Amino acid sequence: MQALLHVCILTEKRILKKIQFTCILWIQFFSKEVMMLLIDKESSKNLYTQLYEGLKQQILSGELPTGFILPATRKMAQEYELSRNTVITAYRQLEVEGYIYSTQGSGFYVESLPPQPCEQQENEKIEPAKKERAPHYDFRYGGIDRNIYRNRAFRHSLNNALADRENCSSLLYEAPEGLLILRQQLCQYLKRFRGVRCHPEQVIITSGHHHSLSLIAQFLPPQEYEFAMENPGYRGTRDVFSHQGYAMHYIPIGPQGIELSPLRRLPPSLISITPSHQFPMGSVLPIKKRLQLLELAAMGGHYILEDDYDSELRYEEQPIPSLQSIDTAGRTFYLGTFSKTTAPDIRLAYIVVPPNLSFHFSETYPFYTSPVSSLLQLTLADFMERGEYEKQVNALRNDFRKKHAFIRQYLEAHFPQTVRICGGGGGMHFVLEIDTACTEEEIINRFRQNEVGVYSLKPYWANPDDSPQNQVLIGYGAIPLNRLPVNVEALGETLNDLENA
């Protein structure tokens, strides 16, 4: 079955020298069936995603029948005017998801899939989902006040990256783990500020924290390891590994972090931990327990996933050295992200792989090109090299320190008997334990009636019913400093209501 490929250039997008280059691929089958895919090179969506989604849709619709041989990657790349690695990445993603399969030496074939449900009738009315309005005084966790960002400095780095982007594609082909210049900058930064001991070969740039976790899950699969994590703990971590089919173990935490006794009874496992600022309760794992955990991992065949999500944001003491920095047995994967120190919508994170696994990890890395925008990588590398990232972190730390101190001092002065702050000392949130007979739902509703947003801890517990009824989470990262007093006063008014209830 031989396919005929035709590439068309669509019409002008704008009059002034801007032409939209859009490729239409026509594949005419032996059976006279015709398929059309559209690749828009000026779209904000990256090219391999467009190719992947187009092929996937044709497979699901049946236009690409079972057993159909996809065009060779080199030929597809030539006809589309794409890089071959872009085509390979799209094909591999389809293969990972089970839409196609490969046979050594003979290419990629469409997999046999069960029939798809009938499409919805065109005249069927769909009601849009109702989005709950955010409260006026919103203490939602995770956001950052965008006024703090060093936008001018970042634009400077972006312009520098645009000037260098001609070299970017060749660099990416040589480095599926990410651009070498960014990995070098990361190694220098992590050594200075977190004590992390690593070489660029150990660093993998990813498109976010969940992507980092997924890569580790592919490398250390559930057939070989079980999974343990703090309880309560980050819901995203739990979701990734439970969906991958791991036997899950939820380990209680105390005032000094994760309890070690339950870990001693586990078979070889991946142990996810936030030792420098436990999420969400805020405790810090002391050095004695860190050393015991590392010894336990080495003796039990475990690997530790150190999630260092906001360790740079310490306000009452120096940032705590990482667990990886004292690991002499090579049992620690160090995970970091730029979402807390740049912006949540910058989907860029990284893994530092144990030195004894770095070669094997890169050999099994499932993508042939980095999934992270080369322009973003070049921009961030320049931002770090010029010292602007360090200035950005310092500016964030100073802003958050003031917010942290203001909220703590207010609560301690006005509600010394009613409110206990759990953890603290860093990060962008507090857990408040309120002396009241109300349930968590009643507490949250009482705040909401006064247009104050505080949030449940239930999502972070393996069993939501285990969440204490009198604890809520508040975040302060997104609240501008000049708006904080009025927000905190609104918080205090509801606490007064609860105190007098």
Protein backbone atom coordinates (compact mmCIF):
# COMPACT_ATOMS: atom_id res chain seq x y z
CA MET A 1 0.00 0.00 0.00
CA GLN A 2 1.79 3.11 -1.18
CA ALA A 3 0.77 6.61 -0.07
CA LEU A 4 0.93 9.71 -2.23
CA LEU A 5 1.93 12.83 -0.33
CA HIS A 6 1.01 16.33 -1.49
CA VAL A 7 1.86 19.51 0.39
CA CYS A 8 -0.08 22.70 -0.24
CA ILE A 9 0.62 26.22 0.90
CA LEU A 10 -2.53 27.98 2.11
CA THR A 11 -3.32 31.62 1.38
CA GLU A 12 -1.79 34.70 2.92
CA LYS A 13 -2.60 35.36 6.55
CA ARG A 14 -1.72 39.05 6.52
CA ILE A 15 -0.88 41.55 3.80
CA LEU A 16 2.36 42.90 5.32
CA LYS A 17 4.94 40.16 4.73
CA LYS A 18 3.26 37.65 7.08
CA ILE A 19 2.29 34.47 5.32
CA GLN A 20 0.68 31.62 7.14
CA PHE A 21 2.45 28.48 6.08
CA THR A 22 -0.07 25.72 6.52
CA CYS A 23 0.60 22.27 5.17
CA ILE A 24 -2.14 19.94 4.07
CA LEU A 25 -1.21 16.29 3.83
CA TRP A 26 -3.30 14.22 1.46
CA ILE A 27 -2.85 10.49 1.71
CA GLN A 28 -4.67 8.49 -0.93
CA PHE A 29 -5.07 4.84 -0.06
CA PHE A 30 -5.18 1.92 -2.42
CA SER A 31 -8.89 1.66 -1.47
CA LYS A 32 -9.37 5.22 -2.85
CA GLU A 33 -10.09 6.59 0.65
CA VAL A 34 -8.62 10.06 1.24
CA MET A 35 -7.30 11.58 4.50
CA MET A 36 -6.40 15.22 5.13
CA LEU A 37 -4.26 16.54 7.98
CA LEU A 38 -3.55 20.18 8.68
CA ILE A 39 -0.29 21.47 10.17
CA ASP A 40 -0.16 25.18 10.94
CA LYS A 41 3.41 26.35 11.42
CA GLU A 42 2.32 29.67 12.91
CA SER A 43 0.06 28.09 15.51
CA SER A 44 0.95 28.44 19.19
CA LYS A 45 0.56 24.67 19.42
CA ASN A 46 3.86 22.88 18.74
CA LEU A 47 4.25 20.90 15.54
CA TYR A 48 4.61 17.40 16.94
CA THR A 49 1.41 17.87 18.96
CA GLN A 50 -0.47 18.96 15.82
CA LEU A 51 0.81 15.92 13.93
CA TYR A 52 0.08 13.57 16.83
CA GLU A 53 -3.47 14.90 17.32
CA GLY A 54 -4.25 14.81 13.61
CA LEU A 55 -3.12 11.21 13.19
CA LYS A 56 -4.87 10.17 16.38
CA GLN A 57 -8.16 11.66 15.18
CA GLN A 58 -7.88 9.85 11.85
CA ILE A 59 -7.20 6.56 13.62
CA LEU A 60 -10.14 6.98 16.00
CA SER A 61 -12.49 7.92 13.16
CA GLY A 62 -11.45 4.86 11.15
CA GLU A 63 -10.05 6.86 8.23
CA LEU A 64 -6.72 5.22 9.00
CA PRO A 65 -7.74 1.56 9.10
CA THR A 66 -6.24 -1.21 11.19
CA GLY A 67 -2.92 -2.35 9.75
CA PHE A 68 -2.31 0.79 7.70
CA ILE A 69 1.41 1.53 7.39
CA LEU A 70 2.26 5.11 8.32
CA PRO A 71 4.69 6.93 6.01
CA ALA A 72 8.35 6.58 6.94
CA THR A 73 9.48 9.26 9.38
CA ARG A 74 12.09 10.66 7.01
CA LYS A 75 9.65 10.93 4.11
CA MET A 76 6.93 12.45 6.30
CA ALA A 77 9.42 15.02 7.61
CA GLN A 78 10.58 15.96 4.10
CA GLU A 79 7.08 16.41 2.73
CA TYR A 80 5.92 18.43 5.72
CA GLU A 81 9.13 20.48 5.97
CA LEU A 82 9.43 19.33 9.58
CA SER A 83 12.36 17.93 11.49
CA ARG A 84 12.49 14.16 11.49
CA ASN A 85 12.60 14.19 15.29
CA THR A 86 9.26 16.00 15.35
CA VAL A 87 7.69 13.18 13.35
CA ILE A 88 9.43 10.53 15.48
CA THR A 89 8.14 12.16 18.67
CA ALA A 90 4.56 12.18 17.36
CA TYR A 91 4.84 8.54 16.26
CA ARG A 92 6.34 7.45 19.57
CA GLN A 93 3.60 9.20 21.53
CA LEU A 94 0.97 7.41 19.46
CA GLU A 95 2.81 4.15 20.09
CA VAL A 96 3.03 4.73 23.85
CA GLU A 97 -0.73 5.38 23.96
CA GLY A 98 -1.49 2.25 21.93
CA TYR A 99 -2.77 3.79 18.69
CA ILE A 100 0.04 2.35 16.57
CA TYR A 101 2.70 -0.32 16.92
CA SER A 102 6.12 -0.77 15.36
CA THR A 103 7.76 -3.77 13.79
CA GLN A 104 11.54 -3.92 13.56
CA GLY A 105 12.62 -2.81 10.10
CA SER A 106 9.14 -2.33 8.65
CA GLY A 107 7.78 0.84 10.24
CA PHE A 108 4.66 1.80 12.16
CA TYR A 109 1.21 0.22 11.79
CA VAL A 110 -2.23 1.33 12.97
CA GLU A 111 -3.34 -0.79 15.92
CA SER A 112 -6.67 -2.60 16.07
CA LEU A 113 -9.00 -0.57 18.31
CA PRO A 114 -12.53 -1.24 19.59
CA PRO A 115 -15.36 0.70 17.89
CA GLN A 116 -15.78 4.27 19.07
CA PRO A 117 -19.12 5.47 20.50
CA CYS A 118 -21.36 7.37 18.12
CA GLU A 119 -20.70 11.08 17.86
CA GLN A 120 -23.09 13.43 19.58
CA GLN A 121 -25.87 14.80 17.41
CA GLU A 122 -25.18 18.30 16.16
CA ASN A 123 -28.45 19.70 17.51
CA GLU A 124 -27.89 18.33 21.01
CA LYS A 125 -27.49 21.28 23.34
CA ILE A 126 -24.58 21.25 25.75
CA GLU A 127 -24.82 23.44 28.79
CA PRO A 128 -21.47 25.01 29.70
CA ALA A 129 -20.12 24.00 33.07
CA LYS A 130 -20.82 26.59 35.71
CA LYS A 131 -17.63 28.08 37.05
CA GLU A 132 -17.78 29.08 40.68
CA ARG A 133 -16.94 32.73 41.21
CA ALA A 134 -13.77 33.31 43.20
CA PRO A 135 -14.30 35.03 46.56
CA HIS A 136 -13.29 38.67 46.85
CA TYR A 137 -10.67 37.92 49.54
CA ASP A 138 -9.12 34.81 48.05
CA PHE A 139 -6.43 32.89 49.95
CA ARG A 140 -6.01 30.27 47.23
CA TYR A 141 -2.72 28.38 47.26
CA GLY A 142 -0.35 28.30 44.30
CA GLY A 143 -0.58 31.72 42.68
CA ILE A 144 2.08 34.42 42.61
CA ASP A 145 1.65 38.19 42.44
CA ARG A 146 2.79 38.95 38.90
CA ASN A 147 3.89 42.46 39.86
CA ILE A 148 6.99 40.95 41.48
CA TYR A 149 8.36 39.48 38.28
CA ARG A 150 11.41 41.03 36.68
CA ASN A 151 9.60 41.38 33.36
CA ARG A 152 12.09 43.72 31.72
CA ALA A 153 15.01 41.43 32.56
CA PHE A 154 13.09 38.39 31.33
CA ARG A 155 12.25 40.13 28.05
CA HIS A 156 15.95 40.91 27.66
CA SER A 157 16.73 37.21 28.02
CA LEU A 158 13.95 36.35 25.59
CA ASN A 159 15.43 38.70 22.99
CA ASN A 160 18.84 37.09 23.49
CA ALA A 161 17.26 33.67 23.03
CA LEU A 162 15.52 34.76 19.84
CA ALA A 163 18.87 35.88 18.48
CA ASP A 164 20.34 32.44 19.22
CA ARG A 165 17.44 30.26 18.13
CA GLU A 166 19.02 29.37 14.80
CA ASN A 167 21.39 27.11 16.74
CA CYS A 168 18.63 25.72 18.93
CA SER A 169 17.34 22.90 16.73
CA SER A 170 20.74 21.30 16.24
CA LEU A 171 21.36 21.51 19.96
CA LEU A 172 18.06 19.82 20.71
CA TYR A 173 18.76 16.91 18.38
CA GLU A 174 21.90 16.20 20.37
CA ALA A 175 20.22 16.61 23.78
CA PRO A 176 16.86 14.93 24.33
CA GLU A 177 17.35 15.67 28.04
CA GLY A 178 17.22 19.41 27.31
CA LEU A 179 19.66 22.08 26.19
CA LEU A 180 23.13 21.63 27.62
CA ILE A 181 23.52 25.33 28.43
CA LEU A 182 20.45 25.26 30.68
CA ARG A 183 21.54 22.04 32.39
CA GLN A 184 24.96 23.59 33.05
CA GLN A 185 23.38 26.69 34.58
CA LEU A 186 21.12 24.52 36.74
CA CYS A 187 24.04 22.50 38.06
CA GLN A 188 25.89 25.65 39.08
CA TYR A 189 22.81 27.15 40.73
CA LEU A 190 21.80 24.00 42.60
CA LYS A 191 25.31 23.49 43.92
CA ARG A 192 25.50 27.06 45.26
CA PHE A 193 22.05 27.31 46.81
CA ARG A 194 20.90 23.77 47.53
CA GLY A 195 24.17 21.86 47.91
CA VAL A 196 23.12 19.48 45.12
CA ARG A 197 26.07 17.56 43.70
CA CYS A 198 25.51 16.81 40.04
CA HIS A 199 26.81 17.02 36.48
CA PRO A 200 24.80 18.15 33.43
CA GLU A 201 24.54 14.52 32.30
CA GLN A 202 22.39 13.83 35.38
CA VAL A 203 19.90 16.62 34.64
CA ILE A 204 16.74 16.16 32.58
CA ILE A 205 14.58 19.14 31.68
CA THR A 206 10.86 18.34 31.78
CA SER A 207 7.61 20.11 30.98
CA GLY A 208 6.44 20.20 34.59
CA HIS A 209 6.43 18.32 37.87
CA HIS A 210 3.91 15.73 36.69
CA HIS A 211 6.05 15.04 33.64
CA SER A 212 9.06 14.48 35.91
CA LEU A 213 7.11 11.97 37.97
CA SER A 214 5.84 10.18 34.87
CA LEU A 215 9.37 9.73 33.54
CA ILE A 216 10.53 8.19 36.81
CA ALA A 217 7.50 5.89 36.78
CA GLN A 218 8.46 4.67 33.30
CA PHE A 219 12.05 4.07 34.35
CA LEU A 220 11.27 2.34 37.69
CA PRO A 221 7.98 0.59 36.89
CA PRO A 222 5.38 -0.87 39.28
CA GLN A 223 6.44 -4.40 38.34
CA GLU A 224 9.73 -3.75 40.16
CA TYR A 225 8.89 -1.18 42.84
CA GLU A 226 6.07 -0.16 45.14
CA PHE A 227 5.35 3.45 46.05
CA ALA A 228 5.29 5.26 49.39
CA MET A 229 4.48 8.89 50.12
CA GLU A 230 3.63 11.24 52.97
CA ASN A 231 0.05 11.37 54.21
CA PRO A 232 -1.19 14.03 53.85
CA GLY A 233 0.82 14.85 50.75
CA TYR A 234 0.70 16.37 47.30
CA ARG A 235 -2.31 15.03 45.41
CA GLY A 236 -0.61 15.21 42.00
CA THR A 237 2.09 12.79 43.12
CA ARG A 238 -0.50 10.36 44.42
CA ASP A 239 -2.49 10.56 41.19
CA VAL A 240 0.48 9.91 38.90
CA PHE A 241 1.70 6.79 40.67
CA SER A 242 -1.67 5.30 41.57
CA HIS A 243 -2.77 5.62 37.94
CA GLN A 244 0.43 3.86 36.86
CA GLY A 245 -0.61 0.82 38.91
CA TYR A 246 1.84 0.97 41.83
CA ALA A 247 1.04 -0.67 45.15
CA MET A 248 0.53 2.47 47.24
CA HIS A 249 1.64 3.02 50.85
CA TYR A 250 0.60 6.17 52.71
CA ILE A 251 2.99 7.04 55.52
CA PRO A 252 1.88 9.26 58.41
CA ILE A 253 3.77 12.41 59.27
CA GLY A 254 4.52 13.93 62.66
CA PRO A 255 5.93 17.24 63.93
CA GLN A 256 9.32 16.25 62.45
CA GLY A 257 8.11 14.98 59.11
CA ILE A 258 7.57 11.47 57.78
CA GLU A 259 7.50 8.51 60.17
CA LEU A 260 10.29 6.06 59.35
CA SER A 261 9.05 2.90 61.08
CA PRO A 262 6.46 1.97 58.40
CA LEU A 263 9.12 2.36 55.70
CA ARG A 264 11.31 -0.33 57.25
CA ARG A 265 8.69 -2.98 56.46
CA LEU A 266 8.37 -2.15 52.76
CA PRO A 267 9.78 -4.10 49.81
CA PRO A 268 11.88 -2.04 47.34
CA SER A 269 9.89 1.13 46.82
CA LEU A 270 9.96 4.67 45.52
CA ILE A 271 9.61 6.98 48.52
CA SER A 272 8.30 10.46 47.73
CA ILE A 273 9.08 13.08 50.35
CA THR A 274 9.15 16.87 50.83
CA PRO A 275 11.85 17.01 53.55
CA SER A 276 12.65 20.73 53.53
CA HIS A 277 9.04 21.94 53.82
CA GLN A 278 6.50 19.14 54.11
CA PHE A 279 3.45 19.74 51.97
CA PRO A 280 0.96 20.72 53.20
CA MET A 281 1.73 20.66 56.95
CA GLY A 282 5.02 22.58 56.78
CA SER A 283 7.28 20.44 59.00
CA VAL A 284 11.02 20.10 58.37
CA LEU A 285 12.79 16.74 58.44
CA PRO A 286 15.74 17.07 60.90
CA ILE A 287 19.22 15.90 59.99
CA LYS A 288 19.06 12.76 62.16
CA LYS A 289 15.95 11.50 60.39
CA ARG A 290 17.43 12.45 57.00
CA LEU A 291 20.47 10.29 57.63
CA GLN A 292 18.27 7.45 58.89
CA LEU A 293 16.09 7.69 55.80
CA LEU A 294 19.11 7.55 53.48
CA GLU A 295 20.48 4.53 55.34
CA LEU A 296 17.08 2.87 55.17
CA ALA A 297 16.92 3.48 51.40
CA ALA A 298 20.38 2.04 50.79
CA MET A 299 19.72 -1.05 52.92
CA GLY A 300 16.20 -1.70 51.60
CA GLY A 301 16.78 -1.11 47.88
CA HIS A 302 14.54 1.97 47.86
CA TYR A 303 14.84 5.15 45.82
CA ILE A 304 13.91 8.52 47.31
CA LEU A 305 12.07 11.14 45.27
CA GLU A 306 13.03 14.42 46.94
CA ASP A 307 10.45 17.02 45.97
CA ASP A 308 12.19 20.33 46.73
CA TYR A 309 9.20 22.37 45.58
CA ASP A 310 9.72 25.67 47.47
CA SER A 311 12.87 25.22 49.55
CA GLU A 312 14.31 28.56 48.39
CA LEU A 313 11.46 30.36 50.16
CA ARG A 314 12.67 30.25 53.77
CA TYR A 315 12.16 33.33 55.96
CA GLU A 316 13.32 32.55 59.47
CA GLU A 317 16.61 30.83 58.66
CA GLN A 318 18.86 29.96 55.74
CA PRO A 319 17.47 27.53 53.13
CA ILE A 320 17.99 23.96 54.32
CA PRO A 321 20.51 21.86 52.33
CA SER A 322 18.90 19.21 50.20
CA LEU A 323 18.65 15.54 51.08
CA GLN A 324 20.51 14.76 47.86
CA SER A 325 23.51 16.75 49.07
CA ILE A 326 24.18 14.25 51.90
CA ASP A 327 23.29 11.09 49.96
CA THR A 328 26.52 9.11 49.51
CA ALA A 329 24.83 5.95 48.17
CA GLY A 330 23.13 7.48 45.12
CA ARG A 331 19.55 6.66 46.13
CA THR A 332 17.96 10.09 45.60
CA PHE A 333 16.14 11.60 42.63
CA TYR A 334 16.08 15.36 43.17
CA LEU A 335 13.02 17.10 41.67
CA GLY A 336 12.65 20.83 41.23
CA THR A 337 10.42 23.24 39.36
CA PHE A 338 10.48 26.84 38.21
CA SER A 339 6.74 27.35 38.70
CA LYS A 340 7.14 28.72 42.25
CA THR A 341 9.97 31.11 41.41
CA THR A 342 9.01 32.29 37.93
CA ALA A 343 5.32 31.68 37.17
CA PRO A 344 2.95 28.71 37.40
CA ASP A 345 2.27 28.94 33.66
CA ILE A 346 5.95 28.42 32.83
CA ARG A 347 5.76 24.66 32.54
CA LEU A 348 9.39 23.82 33.16
CA ALA A 349 10.83 21.49 35.78
CA TYR A 350 13.82 19.19 36.11
CA ILE A 351 15.11 15.94 37.55
CA VAL A 352 18.59 15.28 38.90
CA VAL A 353 19.07 11.55 38.39
CA PRO A 354 21.35 9.53 40.73
CA PRO A 355 24.81 9.34 39.14
CA ASN A 356 24.80 5.56 38.86
CA LEU A 357 21.52 5.68 36.90
CA SER A 358 22.06 8.68 34.63
CA PHE A 359 23.32 6.69 31.63
CA HIS A 360 20.59 4.06 31.83
CA PHE A 361 17.95 6.72 32.41
CA SER A 362 18.95 8.67 29.29
CA GLU A 363 19.04 5.44 27.27
CA THR A 364 15.41 4.73 28.09
CA TYR A 365 14.24 8.35 27.83
CA PRO A 366 11.00 8.05 25.82
CA PHE A 367 11.30 11.20 23.68
CA TYR A 368 13.76 11.92 20.90
CA THR A 369 13.48 15.66 21.35
CA SER A 370 12.90 17.63 24.50
CA PRO A 371 9.18 18.35 25.04
CA VAL A 372 10.10 21.77 26.42
CA SER A 373 10.22 24.77 24.09
CA SER A 374 13.81 25.40 23.03
CA LEU A 375 13.10 29.13 23.13
CA LEU A 376 11.99 28.88 26.76
CA GLN A 377 15.08 26.85 27.64
CA LEU A 378 17.41 29.36 26.00
CA THR A 379 15.59 32.24 27.69
CA LEU A 380 15.85 30.70 31.14
CA ALA A 381 19.50 29.76 30.63
CA ASP A 382 20.30 33.37 29.74
CA PHE A 383 18.18 34.62 32.68
CA MET A 384 20.23 32.45 35.05
CA GLU A 385 23.60 33.18 33.44
CA ARG A 386 23.12 36.94 33.83
CA GLY A 387 22.22 36.53 37.52
CA GLU A 388 18.64 37.69 36.98
CA TYR A 389 17.07 34.46 38.21
CA GLU A 390 18.85 34.82 41.55
CA LYS A 391 17.57 38.40 41.79
CA GLN A 392 14.08 37.13 40.96
CA VAL A 393 14.22 34.54 43.76
CA ASN A 394 15.47 37.17 46.22
CA ALA A 395 12.64 39.53 45.25
CA LEU A 396 10.07 36.77 45.72
CA ARG A 397 11.58 35.76 49.05
CA ASN A 398 11.48 39.34 50.33
CA ASP A 399 7.87 39.77 49.23
CA PHE A 400 6.73 36.46 50.71
CA ARG A 401 8.68 37.07 53.93
CA LYS A 402 6.72 40.29 54.51
CA LYS A 403 3.40 38.56 53.79
CA HIS A 404 4.31 35.59 55.96
CA ALA A 405 5.30 37.84 58.88
CA PHE A 406 2.22 40.06 58.56
CA ILE A 407 -0.24 37.15 58.64
CA ARG A 408 1.55 35.34 61.46
CA GLN A 409 1.82 38.46 63.63
CA TYR A 410 -1.83 39.33 63.03
CA LEU A 411 -3.09 35.87 63.96
CA GLU A 412 -0.83 35.57 67.00
CA ALA A 413 -1.87 39.02 68.25
CA HIS A 414 -5.63 38.68 67.70
CA PHE A 415 -6.31 34.95 68.04
CA PRO A 416 -3.66 33.46 70.35
CA GLN A 417 -6.12 30.96 71.83
CA THR A 418 -8.26 30.30 68.76
CA VAL A 419 -5.80 29.70 65.92
CA ARG A 420 -2.69 27.56 65.77
CA ILE A 421 -0.40 27.88 62.76
CA CYS A 422 0.96 24.51 61.66
CA GLY A 423 4.46 24.54 60.25
CA GLY A 424 5.40 27.91 58.87
CA GLY A 425 8.83 29.43 58.40
CA GLY A 426 8.68 29.25 54.62
CA GLY A 427 6.67 28.65 51.49
CA MET A 428 3.52 30.36 50.28
CA HIS A 429 0.85 28.94 52.58
CA PHE A 430 -0.23 28.22 56.14
CA VAL A 431 -2.35 25.45 57.61
CA LEU A 432 -4.60 26.95 60.28
CA GLU A 433 -5.97 24.81 63.11
CA ILE A 434 -9.03 26.57 64.52
CA ASP A 435 -10.41 25.92 68.01
CA THR A 436 -14.06 25.41 67.10
CA ALA A 437 -16.75 22.76 67.20
CA CYS A 438 -17.65 23.47 63.57
CA THR A 439 -16.84 20.96 60.86
CA GLU A 440 -14.44 21.79 58.06
CA GLU A 441 -17.33 22.28 55.66
CA GLU A 442 -19.05 24.64 58.08
CA ILE A 443 -15.81 26.60 58.59
CA ILE A 444 -15.22 27.00 54.85
CA ASN A 445 -18.85 27.99 54.24
CA ARG A 446 -18.71 30.56 57.05
CA PHE A 447 -15.66 32.17 55.45
CA ARG A 448 -17.29 32.02 52.03
CA GLN A 449 -20.36 33.87 53.29
CA ASN A 450 -17.99 36.74 54.09
CA GLU A 451 -16.37 36.53 50.62
CA VAL A 452 -13.20 34.95 52.07
CA GLY A 453 -11.66 31.94 50.35
CA VAL A 454 -9.97 29.34 52.57
CA TYR A 455 -9.52 25.77 51.40
CA SER A 456 -9.98 22.17 52.39
CA LEU A 457 -7.14 19.77 53.22
CA LYS A 458 -9.19 16.72 52.26
CA PRO A 459 -7.68 16.43 48.74
CA TYR A 460 -4.23 15.87 50.24
CA TRP A 461 -5.25 12.87 52.35
CA ALA A 462 -5.32 9.35 50.92
CA ASN A 463 -8.61 8.93 52.78
CA PRO A 464 -10.35 12.34 52.87
CA ASP A 465 -12.25 11.33 56.01
CA ASP A 466 -8.93 11.33 57.91
CA SER A 467 -8.54 15.08 57.42
CA PRO A 468 -8.98 16.93 60.75
CA GLN A 469 -12.26 18.82 60.80
CA ASN A 470 -10.78 22.01 62.24
CA GLN A 471 -7.92 22.59 59.78
CA VAL A 472 -7.95 24.73 56.61
CA LEU A 473 -5.30 25.87 54.15
CA ILE A 474 -4.62 29.49 53.18
CA GLY A 475 -2.23 30.69 50.50
CA TYR A 476 -0.88 34.21 50.18
CA GLY A 477 1.45 34.17 47.17
CA ALA A 478 -0.99 35.77 44.73
CA ILE A 479 -2.20 38.56 47.04
CA PRO A 480 -0.42 41.87 46.31
CA LEU A 481 1.37 43.16 49.39
CA ASN A 482 -0.64 46.40 49.41
CA ARG A 483 -3.88 44.37 49.41
CA LEU A 484 -2.83 42.01 52.18
CA PRO A 485 -4.08 44.06 55.19
CA VAL A 486 -7.67 44.26 53.92
CA ASN A 487 -7.63 40.55 53.06
CA VAL A 488 -6.31 39.63 56.49
CA GLU A 489 -8.89 41.85 58.20
CA ALA A 490 -11.63 39.99 56.31
CA LEU A 491 -10.06 36.72 57.45
CA GLY A 492 -10.05 38.00 61.03
CA GLU A 493 -13.72 39.02 60.93
CA THR A 494 -14.77 35.46 60.15
CA LEU A 495 -12.43 34.08 62.81
CA ASN A 496 -14.17 36.40 65.28
CA ASP A 497 -17.51 34.95 64.20
CA LEU A 498 -16.21 31.42 64.76
CA GLU A 499 -14.71 32.40 68.10
CA ASN A 500 -18.05 33.75 69.28
CA ALA A 501 -20.17 30.95 67.80
